[in-house]
């Protein structure tokens, strides 16, 4: 049995962190759904930059859009929505079979809106309306300005992938936003079962951030420890009276999703953040390289359980080594936001340059 199937048997869902038109046209994505237990998909501007700018696959769509006078950002969203609608339809049988637990595809709002609540809500509503797919998550950053946007969108019935989460404080804020949105729907007499969410926790960036401050025995341990801390909080939340009251009214849980799960250190096994985070009722979204490495064999031995405290000793040791975990979490979110902004600006600039070339 493939390790992908073994991981799925633990109760963790495998999603692919990639989308290209070639993956759709070639049937490769469909094959991975069938053979490697892939049950969902995430995307971001960096992924689309490689797909759109790095190939000619989108040229035929870009030319007529450009002739209509569309700006580069509009062209991007037209191309992205086209791909993600196809992906939504491909995953729809899984969405139906699992009762909306899996089968999700994610489309991100412009990262430049991360500090603008109203603009984030407006663009999320627009993208949701244009896609017209029940299994499309709109990705919204869990920044201080993004949190109230998430509450509003959930209250509207728009499903959200909360991105750019790094710490337990970030996870707690995202969870509370989801529950507040559901509570607003319940108070208005609206159904709860059609709206969903995931809380995307970035894992590997912790280890790159803290490595210079840590002794060898603690390097590459922080990302997994913080993620396990969040899993512990996740399990406690979904045993709480607050959640159980919403569940009784038909609400779906906001699942914890482990993101940024490729290793940044070439000396480490590609499946480090998969083997260390096997946990029921969660998602691990992984790039192609990690998915393929997992399919070729990984040790899925230890499965996290509710109440797990294996992370505590590690984080205590990291703090003693001089790492301010609270400050690091805040810095990582700011750095992640800035990185997404840079990727977005590069994407839009390259689409504009590509459109200019195609016009000749």
Protein backbone atom coordinates (compact mmCIF):
# COMPACT_ATOMS: atom_id res chain seq x y z
CA UNK A 1 0.00 0.00 0.00
CA UNK A 2 1.30 3.46 -0.90
CA UNK A 3 2.28 5.80 1.91
CA UNK A 4 -0.25 8.29 0.56
CA UNK A 5 -3.02 5.78 1.24
CA UNK A 6 -1.58 5.04 4.69
CA UNK A 7 -1.58 8.74 5.53
CA UNK A 8 -5.18 9.06 4.36
CA UNK A 9 -6.10 6.15 6.62
CA UNK A 10 -4.94 8.17 9.65
CA UNK A 11 -7.77 10.61 8.95
CA UNK A 12 -5.59 13.30 7.39
CA UNK A 13 -6.53 14.65 3.96
CA UNK A 14 -3.88 15.09 1.26
CA UNK A 15 -4.23 18.23 -0.84
CA UNK A 16 -1.98 19.37 -3.66
CA UNK A 17 -0.34 22.77 -3.33
CA UNK A 18 -0.14 23.48 -7.05
CA UNK A 19 -2.21 24.20 -10.13
CA UNK A 20 -1.24 24.55 -13.80
CA UNK A 21 -3.24 24.24 -16.97
CA UNK A 22 -0.93 21.44 -18.03
CA UNK A 23 -1.84 19.43 -14.90
CA UNK A 24 -5.48 19.75 -15.93
CA UNK A 25 -5.06 19.19 -19.68
CA UNK A 26 -2.70 16.23 -19.36
CA UNK A 27 -4.89 14.37 -16.89
CA UNK A 28 -2.05 14.30 -14.34
CA UNK A 29 -4.18 15.85 -11.61
CA UNK A 30 -6.93 13.32 -12.23
CA UNK A 31 -4.34 10.54 -11.98
CA UNK A 32 -3.06 11.81 -8.64
CA UNK A 33 -6.62 11.99 -7.36
CA UNK A 34 -7.10 8.36 -8.35
CA UNK A 35 -3.71 6.93 -7.39
CA UNK A 36 -2.24 9.16 -4.67
CA UNK A 37 -5.30 9.95 -2.52
CA UNK A 38 -5.31 13.67 -3.41
CA UNK A 39 -8.66 15.12 -2.28
CA UNK A 40 -8.20 18.90 -2.58
CA UNK A 41 -6.02 21.68 -3.97
CA UNK A 42 -4.54 25.01 -2.91
CA UNK A 43 -2.99 27.80 -4.97
CA UNK A 44 -1.20 31.11 -4.44
CA UNK A 45 0.30 33.90 -6.60
CA UNK A 46 3.74 32.26 -6.72
CA UNK A 47 2.21 29.07 -8.11
CA UNK A 48 0.32 30.98 -10.79
CA UNK A 49 3.38 33.06 -11.65
CA UNK A 50 5.24 29.90 -12.59
CA UNK A 51 2.24 28.49 -14.45
CA UNK A 52 1.21 31.57 -16.47
CA UNK A 53 4.54 33.25 -17.10
CA UNK A 54 6.61 30.10 -17.34
CA UNK A 55 4.68 28.56 -20.22
CA UNK A 56 2.67 29.38 -23.35
CA UNK A 57 -0.36 27.48 -22.02
CA UNK A 58 -2.29 30.67 -21.24
CA UNK A 59 -1.35 32.74 -24.30
CA UNK A 60 -4.51 31.93 -26.24
CA UNK A 61 -6.62 33.17 -23.33
CA UNK A 62 -4.51 36.24 -22.63
CA UNK A 63 -4.63 37.66 -26.20
CA UNK A 64 -8.40 38.34 -26.40
CA UNK A 65 -8.49 39.59 -22.82
CA UNK A 66 -5.72 42.03 -23.64
CA UNK A 67 -7.53 43.19 -26.78
CA UNK A 68 -10.53 44.04 -24.57
CA UNK A 69 -8.33 46.43 -22.62
CA UNK A 70 -8.16 44.36 -19.47
CA UNK A 71 -5.45 45.24 -16.96
CA UNK A 72 -2.92 42.66 -15.84
CA UNK A 73 -4.68 41.94 -12.53
CA UNK A 74 -7.97 41.35 -14.35
CA UNK A 75 -6.21 39.04 -16.81
CA UNK A 76 -4.71 37.09 -13.92
CA UNK A 77 -8.04 36.50 -12.24
CA UNK A 78 -9.65 35.44 -15.53
CA UNK A 79 -6.90 32.85 -16.09
CA UNK A 80 -6.90 31.69 -12.46
CA UNK A 81 -10.68 31.37 -12.23
CA UNK A 82 -10.75 29.38 -15.48
CA UNK A 83 -8.28 26.84 -14.08
CA UNK A 84 -9.83 26.67 -10.64
CA UNK A 85 -13.37 26.20 -11.95
CA UNK A 86 -12.08 23.16 -13.85
CA UNK A 87 -10.34 21.94 -10.70
CA UNK A 88 -13.53 22.48 -8.66
CA UNK A 89 -15.47 20.36 -11.12
CA UNK A 90 -12.80 17.66 -11.01
CA UNK A 91 -12.97 17.52 -7.21
CA UNK A 92 -16.76 17.92 -6.98
CA UNK A 93 -17.44 14.14 -6.72
CA UNK A 94 -15.12 14.06 -3.68
CA UNK A 95 -16.88 17.08 -2.21
CA UNK A 96 -20.23 15.34 -2.64
CA UNK A 97 -19.01 11.97 -1.37
CA UNK A 98 -17.45 13.44 1.80
CA UNK A 99 -20.32 15.78 2.58
CA UNK A 100 -18.19 18.84 1.90
CA UNK A 101 -15.27 17.80 4.09
CA UNK A 102 -12.88 17.43 1.14
CA UNK A 103 -12.95 18.28 -2.55
CA UNK A 104 -12.03 21.93 -1.98
CA UNK A 105 -10.02 24.25 -4.24
CA UNK A 106 -8.60 27.63 -3.09
CA UNK A 107 -8.33 31.01 -4.82
CA UNK A 108 -6.53 33.87 -3.06
CA UNK A 109 -7.56 37.51 -2.96
CA UNK A 110 -4.86 40.02 -3.90
CA UNK A 111 -2.20 39.97 -1.16
CA UNK A 112 -2.02 43.75 -1.51
CA UNK A 113 -5.37 43.89 0.32
CA UNK A 114 -4.03 42.19 3.48
CA UNK A 115 -4.30 45.43 5.46
CA UNK A 116 -7.65 46.55 4.02
CA UNK A 117 -10.71 44.85 5.52
CA UNK A 118 -13.36 46.39 3.27
CA UNK A 119 -11.46 45.81 0.03
CA UNK A 120 -10.75 42.19 1.03
CA UNK A 121 -14.45 41.54 1.64
CA UNK A 122 -15.43 43.20 -1.64
CA UNK A 123 -12.96 41.22 -3.73
CA UNK A 124 -13.77 37.94 -1.99
CA UNK A 125 -17.47 38.43 -2.68
CA UNK A 126 -16.71 39.22 -6.33
CA UNK A 127 -14.51 36.14 -6.85
CA UNK A 128 -17.03 33.90 -5.11
CA UNK A 129 -19.83 35.21 -7.32
CA UNK A 130 -17.79 34.81 -10.51
CA UNK A 131 -16.68 31.24 -9.82
CA UNK A 132 -20.14 29.98 -8.80
CA UNK A 133 -18.74 26.79 -7.27
CA UNK A 134 -19.76 25.45 -3.83
CA UNK A 135 -16.34 23.85 -3.29
CA UNK A 136 -14.22 26.99 -3.80
CA UNK A 137 -12.47 28.49 -0.81
CA UNK A 138 -11.52 32.15 -0.99
CA UNK A 139 -8.12 32.56 0.65
CA UNK A 140 -7.93 35.49 3.06
CA UNK A 141 -4.89 36.29 5.21
CA UNK A 142 -5.31 35.98 8.96
CA UNK A 143 -3.78 39.42 9.54
CA UNK A 144 -5.34 41.82 12.07
CA UNK A 145 -7.26 43.45 9.19
CA UNK A 146 -8.10 40.10 7.61
CA UNK A 147 -9.77 38.65 10.71
CA UNK A 148 -12.87 40.92 10.62
CA UNK A 149 -13.13 40.27 6.87
CA UNK A 150 -13.26 36.54 7.61
CA UNK A 151 -16.07 37.05 10.13
CA UNK A 152 -18.09 38.99 7.52
CA UNK A 153 -17.48 36.46 4.76
CA UNK A 154 -18.43 33.45 6.87
CA UNK A 155 -21.56 35.33 7.98
CA UNK A 156 -22.29 35.88 4.25
CA UNK A 157 -22.00 32.14 3.61
CA UNK A 158 -18.68 32.39 1.73
CA UNK A 159 -16.24 29.62 2.61
CA UNK A 160 -12.74 30.79 3.54
CA UNK A 161 -9.23 29.39 3.61
CA UNK A 162 -7.52 31.49 6.29
CA UNK A 163 -3.90 31.83 5.21
CA UNK A 164 -0.69 33.28 6.65
CA UNK A 165 -1.08 31.70 10.09
CA UNK A 166 2.11 30.86 11.96
CA UNK A 167 1.45 30.69 15.70
CA UNK A 168 -1.14 29.46 18.16
CA UNK A 169 -2.22 33.08 18.63
CA UNK A 170 -2.88 33.29 14.88
CA UNK A 171 -4.72 29.97 14.92
CA UNK A 172 -6.87 31.07 17.87
CA UNK A 173 -7.79 34.31 16.08
CA UNK A 174 -8.72 32.45 12.88
CA UNK A 175 -10.82 29.91 14.80
CA UNK A 176 -12.62 32.62 16.73
CA UNK A 177 -13.34 34.52 13.48
CA UNK A 178 -14.90 31.40 11.97
CA UNK A 179 -17.05 30.74 15.01
CA UNK A 180 -18.17 34.38 15.21
CA UNK A 181 -19.19 34.25 11.56
CA UNK A 182 -21.20 31.09 12.21
CA UNK A 183 -22.80 32.61 15.29
CA UNK A 184 -23.91 35.60 13.25
CA UNK A 185 -25.49 33.28 10.69
CA UNK A 186 -27.24 31.33 13.44
CA UNK A 187 -28.56 34.53 15.03
CA UNK A 188 -29.96 35.57 11.64
CA UNK A 189 -31.67 32.20 11.20
CA UNK A 190 -29.42 31.22 8.28
CA UNK A 191 -28.24 27.63 7.64
CA UNK A 192 -24.74 26.75 8.82
CA UNK A 193 -24.02 23.59 6.87
CA UNK A 194 -23.15 25.14 3.50
CA UNK A 195 -20.21 27.23 4.75
CA UNK A 196 -16.80 25.86 5.65
CA UNK A 197 -13.22 26.88 6.38
CA UNK A 198 -9.66 25.73 6.90
CA UNK A 199 -7.00 27.43 9.02
CA UNK A 200 -3.71 27.24 7.10
CA UNK A 201 -0.71 27.02 9.41
CA UNK A 202 2.68 27.60 7.77
CA UNK A 203 5.17 25.07 9.09
CA UNK A 204 8.62 25.06 7.52
CA UNK A 205 9.30 28.79 7.71
CA UNK A 206 9.66 28.48 11.48
CA UNK A 207 12.74 26.32 11.09
CA UNK A 208 14.42 28.61 8.57
CA UNK A 209 13.66 31.61 10.81
CA UNK A 210 14.98 30.12 14.07
CA UNK A 211 17.94 28.07 12.78
CA UNK A 212 20.59 30.77 13.36
CA UNK A 213 19.67 30.99 17.06
CA UNK A 214 19.48 27.29 17.88
CA UNK A 215 21.97 24.52 18.70
CA UNK A 216 22.12 21.60 16.27
CA UNK A 217 19.80 19.36 18.31
CA UNK A 218 16.97 21.90 18.15
CA UNK A 219 17.27 22.93 14.51
CA UNK A 220 14.34 21.86 12.32
CA UNK A 221 12.15 21.02 15.31
CA UNK A 222 10.25 24.26 15.85
CA UNK A 223 7.83 24.05 12.92
CA UNK A 224 6.55 20.63 13.98
CA UNK A 225 6.40 21.63 17.66
CA UNK A 226 4.34 24.78 16.97
CA UNK A 227 2.06 22.79 14.65
CA UNK A 228 1.50 20.15 17.33
CA UNK A 229 0.73 22.90 19.84
CA UNK A 230 -1.92 24.21 17.44
CA UNK A 231 -3.29 20.71 16.91
CA UNK A 232 -3.73 20.40 20.66
CA UNK A 233 -5.66 23.69 20.70
CA UNK A 234 -7.67 22.55 17.67
CA UNK A 235 -8.78 19.36 19.41
CA UNK A 236 -9.70 21.26 22.58
CA UNK A 237 -11.74 23.79 20.61
CA UNK A 238 -13.84 21.12 18.93
CA UNK A 239 -14.65 19.56 22.28
CA UNK A 240 -15.82 22.91 23.68
CA UNK A 241 -19.41 23.84 24.49
CA UNK A 242 -19.19 26.80 22.12
CA UNK A 243 -18.42 24.55 19.17
CA UNK A 244 -20.82 21.77 20.15
CA UNK A 245 -23.69 24.27 20.19
CA UNK A 246 -22.87 25.27 16.60
CA UNK A 247 -22.33 21.67 15.50
CA UNK A 248 -25.82 20.82 16.80
CA UNK A 249 -27.14 23.44 14.38
CA UNK A 250 -25.36 21.80 11.42
CA UNK A 251 -22.02 23.65 11.38
CA UNK A 252 -18.92 22.12 9.82
CA UNK A 253 -15.59 22.36 11.66
CA UNK A 254 -12.85 24.66 10.44
CA UNK A 255 -10.11 22.11 9.85
CA UNK A 256 -6.47 22.72 10.68
CA UNK A 257 -4.41 22.69 7.48
CA UNK A 258 -0.63 22.27 7.49
CA UNK A 259 0.86 24.46 4.73
CA UNK A 260 4.42 25.21 3.64
CA UNK A 261 5.26 21.56 4.23
CA UNK A 262 8.17 21.21 1.81
CA UNK A 263 11.58 21.18 3.44
CA UNK A 264 13.80 24.20 2.80
CA UNK A 265 17.00 22.38 3.82
CA UNK A 266 18.15 19.91 1.11
CA UNK A 267 19.81 17.78 3.77
CA UNK A 268 16.42 16.95 5.29
CA UNK A 269 13.98 14.29 4.05
CA UNK A 270 11.30 15.79 1.81
CA UNK A 271 8.57 14.22 3.93
CA UNK A 272 9.75 15.61 7.30
CA UNK A 273 6.65 17.78 7.77
CA UNK A 274 4.36 14.99 6.63
CA UNK A 275 5.67 12.20 8.86
CA UNK A 276 5.76 14.49 11.90
CA UNK A 277 2.22 15.84 11.51
CA UNK A 278 -0.01 12.87 10.72
CA UNK A 279 -3.17 13.75 12.63
CA UNK A 280 -6.88 12.96 12.28
CA UNK A 281 -9.34 15.55 10.95
CA UNK A 282 -6.59 17.73 9.47
CA UNK A 283 -5.22 18.56 6.01
CA UNK A 284 -1.66 18.53 4.70
CA UNK A 285 -1.29 20.49 1.46
CA UNK A 286 1.96 19.63 -0.26
CA UNK A 287 3.82 20.56 -3.45
CA UNK A 288 4.36 17.98 -6.16
CA UNK A 289 7.87 17.08 -4.99
CA UNK A 290 6.66 16.24 -1.48
CA UNK A 291 3.64 14.34 -2.79
CA UNK A 292 5.83 12.20 -5.07
CA UNK A 293 8.36 11.60 -2.29
CA UNK A 294 5.55 10.53 0.01
CA UNK A 295 4.14 8.16 -2.61
CA UNK A 296 7.53 6.45 -2.93
CA UNK A 297 7.62 5.59 0.74
CA UNK A 298 7.53 7.42 4.06
CA UNK A 299 7.30 6.25 7.63
CA UNK A 300 3.77 7.05 8.78
CA UNK A 301 4.28 5.60 12.24
CA UNK A 302 3.16 8.10 14.85
CA UNK A 303 -0.29 9.64 14.69
CA UNK A 304 -1.01 12.64 16.92
CA UNK A 305 -3.79 12.23 19.44
CA UNK A 306 -5.96 14.82 21.20
CA UNK A 307 -4.18 16.09 24.27
CA UNK A 308 -0.73 15.48 22.78
CA UNK A 309 1.89 17.51 24.67
CA UNK A 310 5.01 16.27 22.87
CA UNK A 311 5.61 19.82 21.65
CA UNK A 312 5.95 21.40 25.10
CA UNK A 313 9.50 20.26 25.94
CA UNK A 314 10.74 21.34 22.53
CA UNK A 315 9.27 24.83 22.78
CA UNK A 316 10.57 25.20 26.34
CA UNK A 317 14.08 24.34 25.13
CA UNK A 318 13.77 26.73 22.19
CA UNK A 319 12.79 29.55 24.54
CA UNK A 320 15.74 28.75 26.82
CA UNK A 321 17.99 29.00 23.77
CA UNK A 322 16.90 32.62 23.43
CA UNK A 323 14.14 32.46 20.82
CA UNK A 324 11.17 34.74 21.48
CA UNK A 325 8.43 32.61 19.94
CA UNK A 326 5.72 35.29 20.21
CA UNK A 327 7.89 37.85 18.43
CA UNK A 328 8.93 35.29 15.80
CA UNK A 329 5.31 34.44 15.04
CA UNK A 330 4.45 38.10 14.48
CA UNK A 331 7.56 38.63 12.34
CA UNK A 332 6.83 35.54 10.25
CA UNK A 333 3.34 36.79 9.42
CA UNK A 334 4.67 40.19 8.39
CA UNK A 335 7.46 38.59 6.35
CA UNK A 336 4.97 36.20 4.76
CA UNK A 337 2.69 39.09 3.85
CA UNK A 338 5.60 41.02 2.35
CA UNK A 339 6.75 37.94 0.43
CA UNK A 340 3.25 37.43 -1.00
CA UNK A 341 3.13 41.12 -1.95
CA UNK A 342 6.42 40.80 -3.80
CA UNK A 343 5.27 37.63 -5.60
CA UNK A 344 2.02 39.34 -6.57
CA UNK A 345 3.76 42.43 -7.93
CA UNK A 346 6.17 40.25 -9.88
CA UNK A 347 3.28 38.17 -11.24
CA UNK A 348 1.33 41.23 -12.41
CA UNK A 349 4.44 42.82 -13.95
CA UNK A 350 5.31 39.64 -15.83
CA UNK A 351 1.76 39.23 -17.13
CA UNK A 352 1.93 42.81 -18.40
CA UNK A 353 5.27 42.10 -20.11
CA UNK A 354 3.91 38.88 -21.59
CA UNK A 355 0.81 40.68 -22.88
CA UNK A 356 3.03 43.28 -24.55
CA UNK A 357 5.01 40.57 -26.33
CA UNK A 358 1.85 38.76 -27.43
CA UNK A 359 0.49 42.01 -28.88
CA UNK A 360 3.36 42.27 -31.37
